[in-house]
Amino acid sequence: MRILLDSNVLVSAFVLNSPRMLALIDAITLNHTLVLPSYVAGELRDVASAIAADVDVLLSGDGHFAPLDMRRPEVMTPRQFLEKYG
């Protein structure tokens, strides 16, 4: 099968390093074809850049990264940022 993973699933697999997510990536890459559209690659680049730059907050308008529950960077929408820090 050809499988497209949303960027939040890929980030979860690589950032959180949980056994379940790593098993998912293994199952897909060993038995199927992973499809990686440019918009997903762009989102992954943005998150990896934020982590590498050691930023405190990652603002995302689409909410894709909110379920990741990362301690750092803190992921929030612009509205949440303004409510908390504005």
C-alpha atoms as a PDB file:
ATOM      1  CA  MET A   1       0.000   0.000   0.000  1.00  0.00           C
ATOM      2  CA  ARG A   2       0.957   3.638  -0.434  1.00  0.00           C
ATOM      3  CA  ILE A   3       0.623   5.417   2.902  1.00  0.00           C
ATOM      4  CA  LEU A   4       0.737   9.136   3.657  1.00  0.00           C
ATOM      5  CA  LEU A   5       1.455  10.091   7.247  1.00  0.00           C
ATOM      6  CA  ASP A   6       0.555  13.531   8.493  1.00  0.00           C
ATOM      7  CA  SER A   7       3.483  15.546   9.795  1.00  0.00           C
ATOM      8  CA  ASN A   8       2.355  15.316  13.422  1.00  0.00           C
ATOM      9  CA  VAL A   9       2.574  11.500  13.251  1.00  0.00           C
ATOM     10  CA  LEU A  10       6.089  11.662  11.812  1.00  0.00           C
ATOM     11  CA  VAL A  11       7.237  14.233  14.350  1.00  0.00           C
ATOM     12  CA  SER A  12       5.767  12.123  17.148  1.00  0.00           C
ATOM     13  CA  ALA A  13       7.667   9.094  15.920  1.00  0.00           C
ATOM     14  CA  PHE A  14      11.003  10.870  15.790  1.00  0.00           C
ATOM     15  CA  VAL A  15      10.751  13.316  18.681  1.00  0.00           C
ATOM     16  CA  LEU A  16       8.965  11.189  21.259  1.00  0.00           C
ATOM     17  CA  ASN A  17      10.819   8.021  20.266  1.00  0.00           C
ATOM     18  CA  SER A  18       8.058   5.780  21.646  1.00  0.00           C
ATOM     19  CA  PRO A  19       8.219   2.055  20.875  1.00  0.00           C
ATOM     20  CA  ARG A  20       4.706   2.091  19.413  1.00  0.00           C
ATOM     21  CA  MET A  21       5.458   4.926  16.993  1.00  0.00           C
ATOM     22  CA  LEU A  22       8.783   3.385  15.973  1.00  0.00           C
ATOM     23  CA  ALA A  23       6.992   0.071  15.318  1.00  0.00           C
ATOM     24  CA  LEU A  24       4.515   1.942  13.118  1.00  0.00           C
ATOM     25  CA  ILE A  25       7.299   3.535  11.079  1.00  0.00           C
ATOM     26  CA  ASP A  26       9.062   0.170  10.765  1.00  0.00           C
ATOM     27  CA  ALA A  27       5.883  -1.569   9.613  1.00  0.00           C
ATOM     28  CA  ILE A  28       5.211   1.077   6.996  1.00  0.00           C
ATOM     29  CA  THR A  29       8.730   1.398   5.649  1.00  0.00           C
ATOM     30  CA  LEU A  30       9.396  -2.343   5.567  1.00  0.00           C
ATOM     31  CA  ASN A  31       6.093  -3.463   4.068  1.00  0.00           C
ATOM     32  CA  HIS A  32       4.603  -0.471   2.276  1.00  0.00           C
ATOM     33  CA  THR A  33       5.480   2.738   0.448  1.00  0.00           C
ATOM     34  CA  LEU A  34       5.624   5.936   2.471  1.00  0.00           C
ATOM     35  CA  VAL A  35       4.390   8.940   0.505  1.00  0.00           C
ATOM     36  CA  LEU A  36       5.876  12.243   1.657  1.00  0.00           C
ATOM     37  CA  PRO A  37       4.274  15.276  -0.040  1.00  0.00           C
ATOM     38  CA  SER A  38       6.126  18.575  -0.064  1.00  0.00           C
ATOM     39  CA  TYR A  39       3.788  20.192   2.481  1.00  0.00           C
ATOM     40  CA  VAL A  40       4.542  17.406   4.997  1.00  0.00           C
ATOM     41  CA  ALA A  41       8.277  17.705   4.328  1.00  0.00           C
ATOM     42  CA  GLY A  42       8.016  21.458   4.869  1.00  0.00           C
ATOM     43  CA  GLU A  43       6.241  21.022   8.200  1.00  0.00           C
ATOM     44  CA  LEU A  44       8.843  18.486   9.307  1.00  0.00           C
ATOM     45  CA  ARG A  45      11.609  20.911   8.349  1.00  0.00           C
ATOM     46  CA  ASP A  46       9.952  23.661  10.380  1.00  0.00           C
ATOM     47  CA  VAL A  47       9.633  21.522  13.504  1.00  0.00           C
ATOM     48  CA  ALA A  48      13.164  20.114  13.200  1.00  0.00           C
ATOM     49  CA  SER A  49      14.485  23.664  12.767  1.00  0.00           C
ATOM     50  CA  ALA A  50      12.585  24.805  15.859  1.00  0.00           C
ATOM     51  CA  ILE A  51      14.012  21.950  17.911  1.00  0.00           C
ATOM     52  CA  ALA A  52      17.545  22.474  16.585  1.00  0.00           C
ATOM     53  CA  ALA A  53      17.338  26.218  17.289  1.00  0.00           C
ATOM     54  CA  ASP A  54      16.168  25.448  20.842  1.00  0.00           C
ATOM     55  CA  VAL A  55      13.187  27.798  20.571  1.00  0.00           C
ATOM     56  CA  ASP A  56      10.819  28.151  23.496  1.00  0.00           C
ATOM     57  CA  VAL A  57       7.574  28.302  21.498  1.00  0.00           C
ATOM     58  CA  LEU A  58       6.481  26.887  18.145  1.00  0.00           C
ATOM     59  CA  LEU A  59       3.475  28.742  16.764  1.00  0.00           C
ATOM     60  CA  SER A  60       1.293  26.781  14.379  1.00  0.00           C
ATOM     61  CA  GLY A  61      -1.931  28.050  12.923  1.00  0.00           C
ATOM     62  CA  ASP A  62      -3.182  24.701  11.719  1.00  0.00           C
ATOM     63  CA  GLY A  63      -2.963  22.840  15.028  1.00  0.00           C
ATOM     64  CA  HIS A  64      -1.150  19.834  13.557  1.00  0.00           C
ATOM     65  CA  PHE A  65       1.500  19.838  16.250  1.00  0.00           C
ATOM     66  CA  ALA A  66      -0.681  20.527  19.296  1.00  0.00           C
ATOM     67  CA  PRO A  67      -1.297  16.814  20.038  1.00  0.00           C
ATOM     68  CA  LEU A  68       2.451  16.185  20.320  1.00  0.00           C
ATOM     69  CA  ASP A  69       2.539  17.474  23.899  1.00  0.00           C
ATOM     70  CA  MET A  70       6.241  18.347  23.705  1.00  0.00           C
ATOM     71  CA  ARG A  71       7.744  20.115  26.689  1.00  0.00           C
ATOM     72  CA  ARG A  72      10.060  22.156  24.500  1.00  0.00           C
ATOM     73  CA  PRO A  73       9.264  23.832  22.295  1.00  0.00           C
ATOM     74  CA  GLU A  74       5.832  24.601  23.638  1.00  0.00           C
ATOM     75  CA  VAL A  75       3.415  24.204  20.731  1.00  0.00           C
ATOM     76  CA  MET A  76       0.527  26.644  20.509  1.00  0.00           C
ATOM     77  CA  THR A  77      -1.639  28.573  18.111  1.00  0.00           C
ATOM     78  CA  PRO A  78      -1.166  32.337  17.709  1.00  0.00           C
ATOM     79  CA  ARG A  79      -4.377  32.872  19.712  1.00  0.00           C
ATOM     80  CA  GLN A  80      -3.087  30.710  22.570  1.00  0.00           C
ATOM     81  CA  PHE A  81       0.188  32.623  22.533  1.00  0.00           C
ATOM     82  CA  LEU A  82      -1.584  35.973  22.791  1.00  0.00           C
ATOM     83  CA  GLU A  83      -3.810  34.696  25.604  1.00  0.00           C
ATOM     84  CA  LYS A  84      -0.839  33.400  27.578  1.00  0.00           C
ATOM     85  CA  TYR A  85       1.935  35.887  26.765  1.00  0.00           C
ATOM     86  CA  GLY A  86       0.294  38.849  25.006  1.00  0.00           C
END
